[in-house]
């Protein structure tokens, strides 16, 4: 039983959740990602920085907007075989035609 007001736990880290949202919409705003996950905008920015440093995505500024380009061939983890695209396919379904996804 959860204590009153406690946030329920989740199987996915916030890093995986941010990556899944960006996979669905490479033009997602930090504010929208934060609201969807329930974390601060600053936390989303730190996670995006981590994901960029890890080679999972690249951020490009276009005016006031940020566009994310995923690198789906990056490995999931040292302990887990396969590329990140395997996880993204599970979380978001197959890529749509004409999208930025491979």
N, C-alpha and C. Protein backbone atom coordinates (compact mmCIF):
# COMPACT_ATOMS: atom_id res chain seq x y z
N UNK A 1 0.84 -1.18 0.00
CA UNK A 1 0.00 0.00 0.00
C UNK A 1 0.89 1.25 0.00
N UNK A 2 0.54 2.22 -0.81
CA UNK A 2 1.31 3.47 -0.94
C UNK A 2 0.91 4.44 0.18
N UNK A 3 1.89 5.13 0.76
CA UNK A 3 1.55 6.19 1.70
C UNK A 3 0.77 7.29 0.98
N UNK A 4 -0.09 7.96 1.69
CA UNK A 4 -0.87 9.04 1.11
C UNK A 4 0.03 10.10 0.49
N UNK A 5 -0.23 10.47 -0.75
CA UNK A 5 0.54 11.50 -1.43
C UNK A 5 1.83 11.02 -2.05
N UNK A 6 2.18 9.74 -1.86
CA UNK A 6 3.42 9.22 -2.43
C UNK A 6 3.24 8.99 -3.93
N UNK A 7 4.29 9.30 -4.68
CA UNK A 7 4.26 9.08 -6.12
C UNK A 7 4.47 7.60 -6.40
N UNK A 8 3.64 7.00 -7.26
CA UNK A 8 3.83 5.58 -7.55
C UNK A 8 5.15 5.34 -8.27
N UNK A 9 5.73 4.19 -8.04
CA UNK A 9 6.99 3.85 -8.69
C UNK A 9 6.71 3.40 -10.12
N UNK A 10 7.77 3.34 -10.90
CA UNK A 10 7.65 2.97 -12.30
C UNK A 10 8.82 2.07 -12.68
N UNK A 11 8.62 1.23 -13.69
CA UNK A 11 9.69 0.36 -14.17
C UNK A 11 10.75 1.13 -14.93
N UNK A 12 10.36 2.23 -15.56
CA UNK A 12 11.28 2.98 -16.41
C UNK A 12 11.87 4.18 -15.67
N UNK A 13 13.13 4.44 -15.94
CA UNK A 13 13.76 5.63 -15.39
C UNK A 13 13.24 6.85 -16.13
N UNK A 14 13.46 8.01 -15.55
CA UNK A 14 13.07 9.24 -16.24
C UNK A 14 13.88 9.41 -17.52
N UNK A 15 15.10 8.91 -17.56
CA UNK A 15 15.90 8.98 -18.78
C UNK A 15 15.20 8.21 -19.91
N UNK A 16 14.73 7.01 -19.62
CA UNK A 16 14.02 6.21 -20.63
C UNK A 16 12.72 6.88 -21.03
N UNK A 17 12.04 7.48 -20.08
CA UNK A 17 10.77 8.14 -20.39
C UNK A 17 10.98 9.36 -21.27
N UNK A 18 12.01 10.16 -20.98
CA UNK A 18 12.33 11.32 -21.83
C UNK A 18 12.66 10.84 -23.24
N UNK A 19 13.48 9.80 -23.34
CA UNK A 19 13.87 9.28 -24.65
C UNK A 19 12.65 8.81 -25.43
N UNK A 20 11.71 8.14 -24.77
CA UNK A 20 10.50 7.67 -25.44
C UNK A 20 9.65 8.83 -25.94
N UNK A 21 9.51 9.87 -25.14
CA UNK A 21 8.72 11.04 -25.56
C UNK A 21 9.37 11.70 -26.77
N UNK A 22 10.68 11.85 -26.73
CA UNK A 22 11.40 12.46 -27.85
C UNK A 22 11.29 11.58 -29.09
N UNK A 23 11.28 10.26 -28.91
CA UNK A 23 11.12 9.35 -30.05
C UNK A 23 9.77 9.55 -30.72
N UNK A 24 8.74 9.80 -29.92
CA UNK A 24 7.40 10.03 -30.46
C UNK A 24 7.30 11.39 -31.16
N UNK A 25 7.98 12.40 -30.58
CA UNK A 25 7.89 13.76 -31.13
C UNK A 25 9.23 14.47 -30.94
N UNK A 26 10.08 14.46 -31.98
CA UNK A 26 11.40 15.09 -31.88
C UNK A 26 11.36 16.60 -31.66
N UNK A 27 10.18 17.20 -31.75
CA UNK A 27 10.03 18.64 -31.54
C UNK A 27 9.39 18.95 -30.18
N UNK A 28 9.35 17.95 -29.30
CA UNK A 28 8.75 18.13 -27.97
C UNK A 28 9.42 19.28 -27.23
N UNK A 29 8.59 20.06 -26.52
CA UNK A 29 9.13 21.13 -25.70
C UNK A 29 9.49 20.59 -24.33
N UNK A 30 10.54 21.16 -23.74
CA UNK A 30 10.97 20.75 -22.40
C UNK A 30 9.81 20.83 -21.43
N UNK A 31 9.03 21.89 -21.51
CA UNK A 31 7.88 22.08 -20.62
C UNK A 31 6.89 20.93 -20.75
N UNK A 32 6.60 20.52 -21.99
CA UNK A 32 5.64 19.45 -22.21
C UNK A 32 6.18 18.11 -21.72
N UNK A 33 7.47 17.86 -21.93
CA UNK A 33 8.08 16.62 -21.44
C UNK A 33 8.01 16.59 -19.91
N UNK A 34 8.36 17.69 -19.28
CA UNK A 34 8.33 17.77 -17.82
C UNK A 34 6.93 17.53 -17.28
N UNK A 35 5.93 18.16 -17.89
CA UNK A 35 4.55 17.99 -17.44
C UNK A 35 4.09 16.55 -17.61
N UNK A 36 4.45 15.93 -18.72
CA UNK A 36 4.02 14.56 -19.01
C UNK A 36 4.61 13.57 -17.99
N UNK A 37 5.87 13.77 -17.64
CA UNK A 37 6.55 12.85 -16.73
C UNK A 37 6.30 13.20 -15.27
N UNK A 38 6.08 14.49 -15.01
CA UNK A 38 5.88 14.92 -13.63
C UNK A 38 7.17 15.30 -12.94
N UNK A 39 8.11 15.85 -13.72
CA UNK A 39 9.37 16.32 -13.16
C UNK A 39 9.56 17.78 -13.58
N UNK A 40 10.59 18.41 -13.06
CA UNK A 40 10.82 19.81 -13.39
C UNK A 40 11.45 19.96 -14.78
N UNK A 41 11.31 21.15 -15.34
CA UNK A 41 11.94 21.44 -16.62
C UNK A 41 13.46 21.32 -16.50
N UNK A 42 13.99 21.75 -15.37
CA UNK A 42 15.44 21.65 -15.15
C UNK A 42 15.89 20.19 -15.16
N UNK A 43 15.09 19.30 -14.58
CA UNK A 43 15.42 17.87 -14.59
C UNK A 43 15.42 17.33 -16.01
N UNK A 44 14.47 17.77 -16.82
CA UNK A 44 14.44 17.34 -18.23
C UNK A 44 15.69 17.83 -18.95
N UNK A 45 16.09 19.06 -18.69
CA UNK A 45 17.31 19.58 -19.33
C UNK A 45 18.54 18.79 -18.93
N UNK A 46 18.63 18.42 -17.64
CA UNK A 46 19.77 17.61 -17.19
C UNK A 46 19.76 16.22 -17.85
N UNK A 47 18.58 15.63 -17.94
CA UNK A 47 18.45 14.31 -18.57
C UNK A 47 18.83 14.40 -20.05
N UNK A 48 18.36 15.44 -20.76
CA UNK A 48 18.71 15.61 -22.17
C UNK A 48 20.22 15.78 -22.33
N UNK A 49 20.84 16.49 -21.39
CA UNK A 49 22.30 16.65 -21.42
C UNK A 49 22.98 15.29 -21.23
N UNK A 50 22.49 14.49 -20.29
CA UNK A 50 23.03 13.14 -20.08
C UNK A 50 22.88 12.29 -21.34
N UNK A 51 21.69 12.32 -21.94
CA UNK A 51 21.43 11.51 -23.13
C UNK A 51 22.29 11.95 -24.31
N UNK A 52 22.52 13.26 -24.41
CA UNK A 52 23.38 13.77 -25.47
C UNK A 52 24.82 13.35 -25.22
N UNK A 53 25.28 13.46 -23.99
CA UNK A 53 26.65 13.05 -23.65
C UNK A 53 26.85 11.55 -23.88
N UNK A 54 25.81 10.77 -23.68
CA UNK A 54 25.88 9.33 -23.90
C UNK A 54 25.76 8.92 -25.36
N UNK A 55 25.49 9.90 -26.23
CA UNK A 55 25.39 9.61 -27.65
C UNK A 55 24.02 9.13 -28.10
N UNK A 56 23.01 9.24 -27.23
CA UNK A 56 21.67 8.76 -27.57
C UNK A 56 20.85 9.77 -28.36
N UNK A 57 21.19 11.04 -28.26
CA UNK A 57 20.49 12.05 -29.03
C UNK A 57 21.38 13.26 -29.24
N UNK A 58 20.96 14.08 -30.20
CA UNK A 58 21.62 15.36 -30.48
C UNK A 58 20.53 16.42 -30.45
N UNK A 59 20.83 17.54 -29.81
CA UNK A 59 19.89 18.66 -29.77
C UNK A 59 20.36 19.73 -30.73
N UNK A 60 19.41 20.26 -31.50
CA UNK A 60 19.69 21.34 -32.43
C UNK A 60 18.68 22.45 -32.19
N UNK A 61 19.17 23.65 -31.98
CA UNK A 61 18.28 24.80 -31.80
C UNK A 61 17.86 25.35 -33.15
N UNK A 62 16.57 25.59 -33.30
CA UNK A 62 16.02 26.24 -34.48
C UNK A 62 15.16 27.38 -33.96
N UNK A 63 15.71 28.58 -33.97
CA UNK A 63 15.01 29.70 -33.35
C UNK A 63 14.90 29.46 -31.87
N UNK A 64 13.69 29.49 -31.36
CA UNK A 64 13.47 29.27 -29.94
C UNK A 64 13.15 27.81 -29.61
N UNK A 65 13.07 26.97 -30.62
CA UNK A 65 12.71 25.56 -30.43
C UNK A 65 13.94 24.67 -30.50
N UNK A 66 13.82 23.53 -29.88
CA UNK A 66 14.87 22.52 -29.92
C UNK A 66 14.35 21.32 -30.69
N UNK A 67 15.16 20.82 -31.60
CA UNK A 67 14.84 19.59 -32.34
C UNK A 67 15.80 18.52 -31.86
N UNK A 68 15.26 17.35 -31.57
CA UNK A 68 16.07 16.23 -31.10
C UNK A 68 16.23 15.22 -32.22
N UNK A 69 17.44 14.75 -32.42
CA UNK A 69 17.72 13.67 -33.36
C UNK A 69 18.21 12.48 -32.56
N UNK A 70 17.50 11.37 -32.65
CA UNK A 70 17.88 10.17 -31.92
C UNK A 70 18.95 9.40 -32.67
N UNK A 71 19.75 8.67 -31.92
CA UNK A 71 20.77 7.79 -32.49
C UNK A 71 20.43 6.37 -32.03
N UNK A 72 19.50 5.73 -32.74
CA UNK A 72 18.93 4.46 -32.27
C UNK A 72 19.88 3.27 -32.29
N UNK A 73 21.04 3.40 -32.91
CA UNK A 73 21.97 2.27 -32.94
C UNK A 73 22.87 2.21 -31.72
N UNK A 74 22.76 3.21 -30.84
CA UNK A 74 23.55 3.20 -29.61
C UNK A 74 23.13 1.99 -28.76
N UNK A 75 24.07 1.38 -28.04
CA UNK A 75 23.72 0.22 -27.22
C UNK A 75 22.84 0.62 -26.04
N UNK A 76 21.95 -0.29 -25.67
CA UNK A 76 21.08 -0.06 -24.52
C UNK A 76 21.89 0.18 -23.25
N UNK A 77 22.77 -0.75 -22.95
CA UNK A 77 23.50 -0.72 -21.69
C UNK A 77 24.62 -1.73 -21.80
N UNK A 78 25.63 -1.58 -20.98
CA UNK A 78 26.73 -2.55 -20.99
C UNK A 78 26.24 -3.95 -20.64
N UNK A 79 25.21 -4.04 -19.80
CA UNK A 79 24.70 -5.33 -19.35
C UNK A 79 23.56 -5.87 -20.21
N UNK A 80 23.00 -5.05 -21.09
CA UNK A 80 21.87 -5.47 -21.91
C UNK A 80 22.25 -5.44 -23.39
N UNK A 81 22.05 -6.54 -24.08
CA UNK A 81 22.41 -6.56 -25.50
C UNK A 81 21.41 -5.78 -26.34
N UNK A 82 21.86 -5.34 -27.49
CA UNK A 82 20.97 -4.71 -28.45
C UNK A 82 21.03 -3.20 -28.43
N UNK A 83 20.51 -2.60 -29.49
CA UNK A 83 20.51 -1.14 -29.61
C UNK A 83 19.32 -0.52 -28.87
N UNK A 84 19.41 0.77 -28.63
CA UNK A 84 18.34 1.51 -27.97
C UNK A 84 17.04 1.46 -28.77
N UNK A 85 17.14 1.26 -30.08
CA UNK A 85 15.94 1.17 -30.92
C UNK A 85 15.03 0.03 -30.49
N UNK A 86 15.59 -1.05 -29.93
CA UNK A 86 14.77 -2.16 -29.46
C UNK A 86 13.85 -1.71 -28.33
N UNK A 87 14.38 -0.93 -27.41
CA UNK A 87 13.56 -0.41 -26.32
C UNK A 87 12.54 0.60 -26.85
N UNK A 88 12.97 1.48 -27.73
CA UNK A 88 12.06 2.49 -28.27
C UNK A 88 10.92 1.86 -29.04
N UNK A 89 11.19 0.78 -29.77
CA UNK A 89 10.12 0.09 -30.49
C UNK A 89 9.07 -0.45 -29.52
N UNK A 90 9.53 -0.96 -28.38
CA UNK A 90 8.59 -1.45 -27.37
C UNK A 90 7.76 -0.32 -26.78
N UNK A 91 8.40 0.81 -26.55
CA UNK A 91 7.73 1.92 -25.88
C UNK A 91 6.86 2.76 -26.79
N UNK A 92 7.25 2.86 -28.05
CA UNK A 92 6.54 3.79 -28.93
C UNK A 92 5.91 3.13 -30.14
N UNK A 93 6.17 1.86 -30.36
CA UNK A 93 5.68 1.19 -31.55
C UNK A 93 6.64 1.43 -32.70
N UNK A 94 6.36 0.83 -33.84
CA UNK A 94 7.27 1.00 -34.97
C UNK A 94 7.30 2.45 -35.44
N UNK A 95 8.42 2.86 -36.05
CA UNK A 95 8.53 4.25 -36.53
C UNK A 95 7.49 4.55 -37.60
N UNK A 96 7.10 5.82 -37.63
CA UNK A 96 6.16 6.29 -38.65
C UNK A 96 6.94 6.73 -39.88
N UNK A 97 6.35 6.55 -41.04
CA UNK A 97 6.97 7.02 -42.27
C UNK A 97 7.06 8.54 -42.26
N UNK A 98 8.18 9.04 -42.77
CA UNK A 98 8.36 10.48 -42.86
C UNK A 98 8.79 11.12 -41.56
N UNK A 99 8.93 10.34 -40.50
CA UNK A 99 9.37 10.92 -39.24
C UNK A 99 10.88 10.94 -39.18
N UNK A 100 11.42 11.47 -38.12
CA UNK A 100 12.86 11.52 -37.93
C UNK A 100 13.41 10.19 -37.42
N UNK A 101 12.53 9.26 -37.14
CA UNK A 101 12.97 7.97 -36.65
C UNK A 101 13.40 7.09 -37.81
N UNK A 102 14.37 6.23 -37.59
CA UNK A 102 14.82 5.35 -38.66
C UNK A 102 13.78 4.32 -39.04
